[in-house]
Amino acid sequence: GVFEAKLDNLGLAGVHHLLPLPIWDVYYWDHALRSSAEMEA
């Protein structure tokens, strides 16, 4: 939510959010994709 508020404050409310691979200690639950072997590669 801190990131979303930052985007709002910067005039970027409503930009697309590109979700990443879920890498432990880097991503947020509910803000990453479920990965596959191809995605990991």
All heavy atoms as atom14 arrays in JSON, in Angstrom:
{
  "sequence": "GVFEAKLDNLGLAGVHHLLPLPIWDVYYWDHALRSSAEMEA",
  "atom14_mask": [
    [1, 1, 1, 1, 0, 0, 0, 0, 0, 0, 0, 0, 0, 0],
    [1, 1, 1, 1, 1, 1, 1, 0, 0, 0, 0, 0, 0, 0],
    [1, 1, 1, 1, 1, 1, 1, 1, 1, 1, 1, 0, 0, 0],
    [1, 1, 1, 1, 1, 1, 1, 1, 1, 0, 0, 0, 0, 0],
    [1, 1, 1, 1, 1, 0, 0, 0, 0, 0, 0, 0, 0, 0],
    [1, 1, 1, 1, 1, 1, 1, 1, 1, 0, 0, 0, 0, 0],
    [1, 1, 1, 1, 1, 1, 1, 1, 0, 0, 0, 0, 0, 0],
    [1, 1, 1, 1, 1, 1, 1, 1, 0, 0, 0, 0, 0, 0],
    [1, 1, 1, 1, 1, 1, 1, 1, 0, 0, 0, 0, 0, 0],
    [1, 1, 1, 1, 1, 1, 1, 1, 0, 0, 0, 0, 0, 0],
    [1, 1, 1, 1, 0, 0, 0, 0, 0, 0, 0, 0, 0, 0],
    [1, 1, 1, 1, 1, 1, 1, 1, 0, 0, 0, 0, 0, 0],
    [1, 1, 1, 1, 1, 0, 0, 0, 0, 0, 0, 0, 0, 0],
    [1, 1, 1, 1, 0, 0, 0, 0, 0, 0, 0, 0, 0, 0],
    [1, 1, 1, 1, 1, 1, 1, 0, 0, 0, 0, 0, 0, 0],
    [1, 1, 1, 1, 1, 1, 1, 1, 1, 1, 0, 0, 0, 0],
    [1, 1, 1, 1, 1, 1, 1, 1, 1, 1, 0, 0, 0, 0],
    [1, 1, 1, 1, 1, 1, 1, 1, 0, 0, 0, 0, 0, 0],
    [1, 1, 1, 1, 1, 1, 1, 1, 0, 0, 0, 0, 0, 0],
    [1, 1, 1, 1, 1, 1, 1, 0, 0, 0, 0, 0, 0, 0],
    [1, 1, 1, 1, 1, 1, 1, 1, 0, 0, 0, 0, 0, 0],
    [1, 1, 1, 1, 1, 1, 1, 0, 0, 0, 0, 0, 0, 0],
    [1, 1, 1, 1, 1, 1, 1, 1, 0, 0, 0, 0, 0, 0],
    [1, 1, 1, 1, 1, 1, 1, 1, 1, 1, 1, 1, 1, 1],
    [1, 1, 1, 1, 1, 1, 1, 1, 0, 0, 0, 0, 0, 0],
    [1, 1, 1, 1, 1, 1, 1, 0, 0, 0, 0, 0, 0, 0],
    [1, 1, 1, 1, 1, 1, 1, 1, 1, 1, 1, 1, 0, 0],
    [1, 1, 1, 1, 1, 1, 1, 1, 1, 1, 1, 1, 0, 0],
    [1, 1, 1, 1, 1, 1, 1, 1, 1, 1, 1, 1, 1, 1],
    [1, 1, 1, 1, 1, 1, 1, 1, 0, 0, 0, 0, 0, 0],
    [1, 1, 1, 1, 1, 1, 1, 1, 1, 1, 0, 0, 0, 0],
    [1, 1, 1, 1, 1, 0, 0, 0, 0, 0, 0, 0, 0, 0],
    [1, 1, 1, 1, 1, 1, 1, 1, 0, 0, 0, 0, 0, 0],
    [1, 1, 1, 1, 1, 1, 1, 1, 1, 1, 1, 0, 0, 0],
    [1, 1, 1, 1, 1, 1, 0, 0, 0, 0, 0, 0, 0, 0],
    [1, 1, 1, 1, 1, 1, 0, 0, 0, 0, 0, 0, 0, 0],
    [1, 1, 1, 1, 1, 0, 0, 0, 0, 0, 0, 0, 0, 0],
    [1, 1, 1, 1, 1, 1, 1, 1, 1, 0, 0, 0, 0, 0],
    [1, 1, 1, 1, 1, 1, 1, 1, 0, 0, 0, 0, 0, 0],
    [1, 1, 1, 1, 1, 1, 1, 1, 1, 0, 0, 0, 0, 0],
    [1, 1, 1, 1, 1, 0, 0, 0, 0, 0, 0, 0, 0, 0]
  ],
  "atom14_positions": [
    [[0.81, -1.22, 0.0], [0.0, 0.0, 0.0], [0.84, 1.26, 0.0], [0.44, 2.3, -0.55], [0.0, 0.0, 0.0], [0.0, 0.0, 0.0], [0.0, 0.0, 0.0], [0.0, 0.0, 0.0], [0.0, 0.0, 0.0], [0.0, 0.0, 0.0], [0.0, 0.0, 0.0], [0.0, 0.0, 0.0], [0.0, 0.0, 0.0], [0.0, 0.0, 0.0]],
    [[2.04, 1.2, 0.59], [2.95, 2.35, 0.59], [3.36, 2.66, -0.86], [3.43, 3.82, -1.26], [4.18, 2.07, 1.48], [5.25, 3.14, 1.3], [3.77, 1.95, 2.93], [0.0, 0.0, 0.0], [0.0, 0.0, 0.0], [0.0, 0.0, 0.0], [0.0, 0.0, 0.0], [0.0, 0.0, 0.0], [0.0, 0.0, 0.0], [0.0, 0.0, 0.0]],
    [[3.6, 1.61, -1.63], [3.97, 1.78, -3.04], [2.8, 2.38, -3.83], [2.99, 3.3, -4.63], [4.39, 0.43, -3.63], [4.73, 0.47, -5.09], [5.83, 1.17, -5.55], [3.96, -0.22, -6.01], [6.16, 1.2, -6.9], [4.28, -0.21, -7.36], [5.38, 0.52, -7.8], [0.0, 0.0, 0.0], [0.0, 0.0, 0.0], [0.0, 0.0, 0.0]],
    [[1.61, 1.87, -3.6], [0.44, 2.41, -4.3], [0.22, 3.88, -3.97], [-0.08, 4.68, -4.86], [-0.79, 1.57, -3.97], [-0.71, 0.17, -4.55], [-1.86, -0.72, -4.13], [-2.16, -0.78, -2.92], [-2.45, -1.34, -5.02], [0.0, 0.0, 0.0], [0.0, 0.0, 0.0], [0.0, 0.0, 0.0], [0.0, 0.0, 0.0], [0.0, 0.0, 0.0]],
    [[0.42, 4.24, -2.71], [0.3, 5.65, -2.31], [1.38, 6.49, -2.98], [1.12, 7.63, -3.41], [0.38, 5.78, -0.79], [0.0, 0.0, 0.0], [0.0, 0.0, 0.0], [0.0, 0.0, 0.0], [0.0, 0.0, 0.0], [0.0, 0.0, 0.0], [0.0, 0.0, 0.0], [0.0, 0.0, 0.0], [0.0, 0.0, 0.0], [0.0, 0.0, 0.0]],
    [[2.58, 5.93, -3.1], [3.67, 6.64, -3.78], [3.29, 6.91, -5.23], [3.47, 8.03, -5.73], [4.96, 5.82, -3.71], [6.13, 6.47, -4.42], [7.34, 5.56, -4.49], [7.87, 5.25, -3.13], [9.18, 4.57, -3.17], [0.0, 0.0, 0.0], [0.0, 0.0, 0.0], [0.0, 0.0, 0.0], [0.0, 0.0, 0.0], [0.0, 0.0, 0.0]],
    [[2.77, 5.9, -5.92], [2.35, 6.09, -7.31], [1.29, 7.18, -7.41], [1.35, 8.04, -8.29], [1.83, 4.78, -7.91], [2.86, 3.68, -8.13], [2.18, 2.42, -8.65], [3.97, 4.12, -9.07], [0.0, 0.0, 0.0], [0.0, 0.0, 0.0], [0.0, 0.0, 0.0], [0.0, 0.0, 0.0], [0.0, 0.0, 0.0], [0.0, 0.0, 0.0]],
    [[0.32, 7.16, -6.5], [-0.72, 8.19, -6.48], [-0.1, 9.57, -6.32], [-0.46, 10.51, -7.06], [-1.72, 7.95, -5.34], [-2.61, 6.75, -5.55], [-2.59, 6.16, -6.67], [-3.32, 6.37, -4.61], [0.0, 0.0, 0.0], [0.0, 0.0, 0.0], [0.0, 0.0, 0.0], [0.0, 0.0, 0.0], [0.0, 0.0, 0.0], [0.0, 0.0, 0.0]],
    [[0.82, 9.71, -5.37], [1.45, 11.0, -5.1], [2.29, 11.49, -6.27], [2.51, 12.7, -6.42], [2.33, 10.92, -3.85], [1.51, 10.78, -2.59], [0.35, 11.16, -2.54], [2.11, 10.22, -1.56], [0.0, 0.0, 0.0], [0.0, 0.0, 0.0], [0.0, 0.0, 0.0], [0.0, 0.0, 0.0], [0.0, 0.0, 0.0], [0.0, 0.0, 0.0]],
    [[2.77, 10.58, -7.09], [3.62, 10.95, -8.23], [2.81, 11.2, -9.51], [3.38, 11.45, -10.56], [4.65, 9.84, -8.49], [5.66, 9.58, -7.37], [6.53, 8.39, -7.7], [6.5, 10.83, -7.12], [0.0, 0.0, 0.0], [0.0, 0.0, 0.0], [0.0, 0.0, 0.0], [0.0, 0.0, 0.0], [0.0, 0.0, 0.0], [0.0, 0.0, 0.0]],
    [[1.49, 11.13, -9.4], [0.65, 11.35, -10.58], [0.47, 10.11, -11.42], [0.09, 10.19, -12.58], [0.0, 0.0, 0.0], [0.0, 0.0, 0.0], [0.0, 0.0, 0.0], [0.0, 0.0, 0.0], [0.0, 0.0, 0.0], [0.0, 0.0, 0.0], [0.0, 0.0, 0.0], [0.0, 0.0, 0.0], [0.0, 0.0, 0.0], [0.0, 0.0, 0.0]],
    [[0.73, 8.95, -10.82], [0.67, 7.69, -11.56], [-0.46, 6.77, -11.08], [-0.41, 5.56, -11.32], [2.02, 6.97, -11.46], [3.16, 7.66, -12.2], [4.5, 7.09, -11.77], [2.97, 7.53, -13.7], [0.0, 0.0, 0.0], [0.0, 0.0, 0.0], [0.0, 0.0, 0.0], [0.0, 0.0, 0.0], [0.0, 0.0, 0.0], [0.0, 0.0, 0.0]],
    [[-1.47, 7.34, -10.44], [-2.61, 6.52, -10.02], [-3.26, 5.94, -11.27], [-3.54, 6.65, -12.23], [-3.61, 7.37, -9.25], [0.0, 0.0, 0.0], [0.0, 0.0, 0.0], [0.0, 0.0, 0.0], [0.0, 0.0, 0.0], [0.0, 0.0, 0.0], [0.0, 0.0, 0.0], [0.0, 0.0, 0.0], [0.0, 0.0, 0.0], [0.0, 0.0, 0.0]],
    [[-3.43, 4.64, -11.29], [-4.09, 3.99, -12.41], [-3.16, 3.41, -13.45], [-3.64, 2.81, -14.42], [0.0, 0.0, 0.0], [0.0, 0.0, 0.0], [0.0, 0.0, 0.0], [0.0, 0.0, 0.0], [0.0, 0.0, 0.0], [0.0, 0.0, 0.0], [0.0, 0.0, 0.0], [0.0, 0.0, 0.0], [0.0, 0.0, 0.0], [0.0, 0.0, 0.0]],
    [[-1.83, 3.58, -13.29], [-0.94, 2.93, -14.26], [-1.05, 1.42, -14.1], [-1.44, 0.92, -13.04], [0.55, 3.35, -14.1], [0.76, 4.8, -14.38], [1.13, 2.93, -12.78], [0.0, 0.0, 0.0], [0.0, 0.0, 0.0], [0.0, 0.0, 0.0], [0.0, 0.0, 0.0], [0.0, 0.0, 0.0], [0.0, 0.0, 0.0], [0.0, 0.0, 0.0]],
    [[-0.72, 0.72, -15.16], [-0.7, -0.73, -15.1], [0.37, -1.19, -14.1], [1.41, -0.56, -14.0], [-0.38, -1.33, -16.47], [-1.4, -1.04, -17.51], [-2.55, -1.78, -17.64], [-1.45, -0.1, -18.47], [-3.27, -1.3, -18.63], [-2.62, -0.27, -19.16], [0.0, 0.0, 0.0], [0.0, 0.0, 0.0], [0.0, 0.0, 0.0], [0.0, 0.0, 0.0]],
    [[0.08, -2.28, -13.41], [1.08, -2.92, -12.55], [1.49, -4.22, -13.25], [0.65, -5.1, -13.44], [0.51, -3.26, -11.18], [0.24, -2.07, -10.33], [-0.04, -2.18, -9.0], [0.21, -0.74, -10.6], [-0.23, -0.97, -8.47], [-0.09, -0.09, -9.44], [0.0, 0.0, 0.0], [0.0, 0.0, 0.0], [0.0, 0.0, 0.0], [0.0, 0.0, 0.0]],
    [[2.75, -4.32, -13.62], [3.26, -5.55, -14.22], [3.72, -6.46, -13.09], [4.62, -6.11, -12.33], [4.42, -5.25, -15.18], [4.12, -4.26, -16.3], [5.34, -4.1, -17.2], [2.91, -4.68, -17.11], [0.0, 0.0, 0.0], [0.0, 0.0, 0.0], [0.0, 0.0, 0.0], [0.0, 0.0, 0.0], [0.0, 0.0, 0.0], [0.0, 0.0, 0.0]],
    [[3.09, -7.64, -12.99], [3.4, -8.56, -11.9], [4.62, -9.4, -12.23], [4.76, -9.9, -13.34], [2.2, -9.46, -11.61], [0.91, -8.74, -11.2], [-0.2, -9.75, -10.95], [1.13, -7.85, -9.99], [0.0, 0.0, 0.0], [0.0, 0.0, 0.0], [0.0, 0.0, 0.0], [0.0, 0.0, 0.0], [0.0, 0.0, 0.0], [0.0, 0.0, 0.0]],
    [[5.52, -9.58, -11.25], [6.75, -10.36, -11.47], [6.59, -11.82, -11.08], [5.54, -12.25, -10.6], [7.73, -9.67, -10.51], [6.86, -9.33, -9.33], [5.52, -8.92, -9.95], [0.0, 0.0, 0.0], [0.0, 0.0, 0.0], [0.0, 0.0, 0.0], [0.0, 0.0, 0.0], [0.0, 0.0, 0.0], [0.0, 0.0, 0.0], [0.0, 0.0, 0.0]],
    [[7.69, -12.54, -11.29], [7.81, -13.89, -10.74], [7.83, -13.81, -9.22], [8.31, -12.82, -8.68], [9.16, -14.51, -11.15], [9.32, -15.11, -12.51], [10.79, -15.44, -12.75], [8.48, -16.36, -12.63], [0.0, 0.0, 0.0], [0.0, 0.0, 0.0], [0.0, 0.0, 0.0], [0.0, 0.0, 0.0], [0.0, 0.0, 0.0], [0.0, 0.0, 0.0]],
    [[7.37, -14.84, -8.53], [7.48, -14.83, -7.07], [8.86, -15.33, -6.64], [9.15, -16.52, -6.72], [6.37, -15.79, -6.64], [6.26, -16.76, -7.78], [6.61, -15.98, -9.02], [0.0, 0.0, 0.0], [0.0, 0.0, 0.0], [0.0, 0.0, 0.0], [0.0, 0.0, 0.0], [0.0, 0.0, 0.0], [0.0, 0.0, 0.0], [0.0, 0.0, 0.0]],
    [[9.72, -14.44, -6.23], [11.04, -14.82, -5.71], [11.06, -14.47, -4.24], [10.84, -13.32, -3.85], [12.17, -14.11, -6.49], [12.16, -14.61, -7.93], [13.52, -14.34, -5.82], [13.23, -14.04, -8.81], [0.0, 0.0, 0.0], [0.0, 0.0, 0.0], [0.0, 0.0, 0.0], [0.0, 0.0, 0.0], [0.0, 0.0, 0.0], [0.0, 0.0, 0.0]],
    [[11.34, -15.48, -3.43], [11.31, -15.32, -1.99], [12.15, -14.13, -1.56], [13.24, -13.92, -2.05], [11.82, -16.59, -1.3], [11.71, -16.49, 0.18], [12.73, -16.32, 1.06], [10.51, -16.5, 0.95], [12.23, -16.22, 2.34], [10.87, -16.33, 2.29], [9.17, -16.61, 0.62], [9.94, -16.29, 3.32], [8.24, -16.58, 1.66], [8.63, -16.43, 2.97]],
    [[11.62, -13.35, -0.66], [12.26, -12.18, -0.06], [12.3, -11.0, -1.02], [13.0, -10.02, -0.76], [13.67, -12.52, 0.45], [14.11, -11.58, 1.56], [13.25, -11.09, 2.31], [15.33, -11.31, 1.66], [0.0, 0.0, 0.0], [0.0, 0.0, 0.0], [0.0, 0.0, 0.0], [0.0, 0.0, 0.0], [0.0, 0.0, 0.0], [0.0, 0.0, 0.0]],
    [[11.57, -11.07, -2.14], [11.57, -9.95, -3.09], [10.15, -9.5, -3.43], [9.91, -8.33, -3.67], [12.33, -10.31, -4.4], [12.33, -9.15, -5.37], [13.75, -10.74, -4.1], [0.0, 0.0, 0.0], [0.0, 0.0, 0.0], [0.0, 0.0, 0.0], [0.0, 0.0, 0.0], [0.0, 0.0, 0.0], [0.0, 0.0, 0.0], [0.0, 0.0, 0.0]],
    [[9.19, -10.4, -3.46], [7.86, -10.03, -3.95], [6.86, -9.92, -2.79], [7.14, -10.28, -1.66], [7.36, -11.08, -4.95], [6.92, -12.38, -4.32], [5.58, -12.66, -4.16], [7.84, -13.32, -3.86], [5.15, -13.84, -3.58], [7.43, -14.5, -3.28], [6.09, -14.75, -3.14], [5.68, -15.92, -2.55], [0.0, 0.0, 0.0], [0.0, 0.0, 0.0]],
    [[5.68, -9.4, -3.12], [4.56, -9.31, -2.18], [3.51, -10.35, -2.56], [3.21, -10.52, -3.74], [3.9, -7.92, -2.25], [4.74, -6.82, -1.65], [5.68, -6.16, -2.42], [4.59, -6.46, -0.33], [6.45, -5.15, -1.88], [5.35, -5.46, 0.23], [6.28, -4.81, -0.55], [7.04, -3.82, -0.01], [0.0, 0.0, 0.0], [0.0, 0.0, 0.0]],
    [[2.95, -11.02, -1.57], [1.84, -11.93, -1.83], [0.76, -11.14, -2.55], [0.55, -9.96, -2.29], [1.26, -12.49, -0.53], [2.18, -13.39, 0.19], [2.87, -13.11, 1.34], [2.56, -14.73, -0.16], [3.64, -14.17, 1.71], [3.47, -15.18, 0.8], [2.21, -15.57, -1.22], [4.04, -16.45, 0.75], [2.78, -16.84, -1.26], [3.67, -17.25, -0.29]],
    [[0.07, -11.75, -3.44], [-1.01, -11.13, -4.23], [-0.51, -10.1, -5.24], [-1.32, -9.43, -5.88], [-2.08, -10.49, -3.35], [-2.78, -11.5, -2.45], [-2.87, -12.68, -2.85], [-3.21, -11.12, -1.36], [0.0, 0.0, 0.0], [0.0, 0.0, 0.0], [0.0, 0.0, 0.0], [0.0, 0.0, 0.0], [0.0, 0.0, 0.0], [0.0, 0.0, 0.0]],
    [[0.81, -9.94, -5.38], [1.34, -9.0, -6.36], [2.47, -9.66, -7.15], [3.48, -9.02, -7.47], [1.82, -7.72, -5.67], [0.72, -7.01, -4.97], [-0.26, -6.29, -5.65], [0.38, -6.93, -3.67], [-1.12, -5.8, -4.78], [-0.76, -6.17, -3.58], [0.0, 0.0, 0.0], [0.0, 0.0, 0.0], [0.0, 0.0, 0.0], [0.0, 0.0, 0.0]],
    [[2.29, -10.95, -7.42], [3.22, -11.73, -8.24], [2.43, -12.83, -8.92], [1.31, -13.15, -8.52], [4.33, -12.32, -7.38], [0.0, 0.0, 0.0], [0.0, 0.0, 0.0], [0.0, 0.0, 0.0], [0.0, 0.0, 0.0], [0.0, 0.0, 0.0], [0.0, 0.0, 0.0], [0.0, 0.0, 0.0], [0.0, 0.0, 0.0], [0.0, 0.0, 0.0]],
    [[3.02, -13.39, -9.96], [2.38, -14.46, -10.7], [2.8, -15.82, -10.16], [3.87, -15.96, -9.56], [2.78, -14.38, -12.18], [2.43, -13.09, -12.9], [3.05, -13.07, -14.28], [0.92, -12.94, -12.99], [0.0, 0.0, 0.0], [0.0, 0.0, 0.0], [0.0, 0.0, 0.0], [0.0, 0.0, 0.0], [0.0, 0.0, 0.0], [0.0, 0.0, 0.0]],
    [[1.98, -16.8, -10.39], [2.38, -18.17, -10.13], [3.34, -18.58, -11.24], [3.05, -18.39, -12.41], [1.16, -19.09, -10.12], [1.48, -20.5, -9.71], [0.23, -21.28, -9.57], [-0.51, -20.74, -8.43], [-1.45, -21.36, -7.79], [-1.82, -22.56, -8.17], [-2.06, -20.81, -6.78], [0.0, 0.0, 0.0], [0.0, 0.0, 0.0], [0.0, 0.0, 0.0]],
    [[4.49, -19.11, -10.88], [5.51, -19.37, -11.89], [5.42, -20.77, -12.48], [4.82, -21.67, -11.91], [6.91, -19.14, -11.31], [7.2, -20.1, -10.33], [0.0, 0.0, 0.0], [0.0, 0.0, 0.0], [0.0, 0.0, 0.0], [0.0, 0.0, 0.0], [0.0, 0.0, 0.0], [0.0, 0.0, 0.0], [0.0, 0.0, 0.0], [0.0, 0.0, 0.0]],
    [[6.05, -20.9, -13.64], [6.18, -22.18, -14.32], [7.67, -22.38, -14.61], [8.47, -21.46, -14.47], [5.4, -22.16, -15.64], [6.01, -21.26, -16.56], [0.0, 0.0, 0.0], [0.0, 0.0, 0.0], [0.0, 0.0, 0.0], [0.0, 0.0, 0.0], [0.0, 0.0, 0.0], [0.0, 0.0, 0.0], [0.0, 0.0, 0.0], [0.0, 0.0, 0.0]],
    [[8.03, -23.56, -15.06], [9.42, -23.84, -15.4], [9.91, -22.9, -16.51], [11.04, -22.4, -16.47], [9.58, -25.29, -15.82], [0.0, 0.0, 0.0], [0.0, 0.0, 0.0], [0.0, 0.0, 0.0], [0.0, 0.0, 0.0], [0.0, 0.0, 0.0], [0.0, 0.0, 0.0], [0.0, 0.0, 0.0], [0.0, 0.0, 0.0], [0.0, 0.0, 0.0]],
    [[9.05, -22.62, -17.47], [9.41, -21.72, -18.57], [9.66, -20.3, -18.05], [10.6, -19.62, -18.47], [8.29, -21.72, -19.61], [8.54, -20.83, -20.8], [7.39, -20.88, -21.79], [7.23, -21.92, -22.46], [6.65, -19.88, -21.87], [0.0, 0.0, 0.0], [0.0, 0.0, 0.0], [0.0, 0.0, 0.0], [0.0, 0.0, 0.0], [0.0, 0.0, 0.0]],
    [[8.8, -19.85, -17.16], [8.96, -18.51, -16.59], [10.25, -18.42, -15.77], [10.97, -17.42, -15.85], [7.73, -18.18, -15.73], [6.45, -18.04, -16.55], [4.95, -18.21, -15.55], [4.83, -16.57, -14.83], [0.0, 0.0, 0.0], [0.0, 0.0, 0.0], [0.0, 0.0, 0.0], [0.0, 0.0, 0.0], [0.0, 0.0, 0.0], [0.0, 0.0, 0.0]],
    [[10.53, -19.45, -15.01], [11.77, -19.49, -14.21], [12.99, -19.5, -15.11], [14.0, -18.85, -14.81], [11.78, -20.73, -13.31], [10.69, -20.77, -12.27], [10.95, -19.88, -11.07], [12.11, -19.48, -10.86], [9.98, -19.57, -10.37], [0.0, 0.0, 0.0], [0.0, 0.0, 0.0], [0.0, 0.0, 0.0], [0.0, 0.0, 0.0], [0.0, 0.0, 0.0]],
    [[12.92, -20.22, -16.23], [14.04, -20.28, -17.17], [14.33, -18.89, -17.76], [15.5, -18.51, -17.9], [13.76, -21.28, -18.28], [0.0, 0.0, 0.0], [0.0, 0.0, 0.0], [0.0, 0.0, 0.0], [0.0, 0.0, 0.0], [0.0, 0.0, 0.0], [0.0, 0.0, 0.0], [0.0, 0.0, 0.0], [0.0, 0.0, 0.0], [0.0, 0.0, 0.0]]
  ]
}
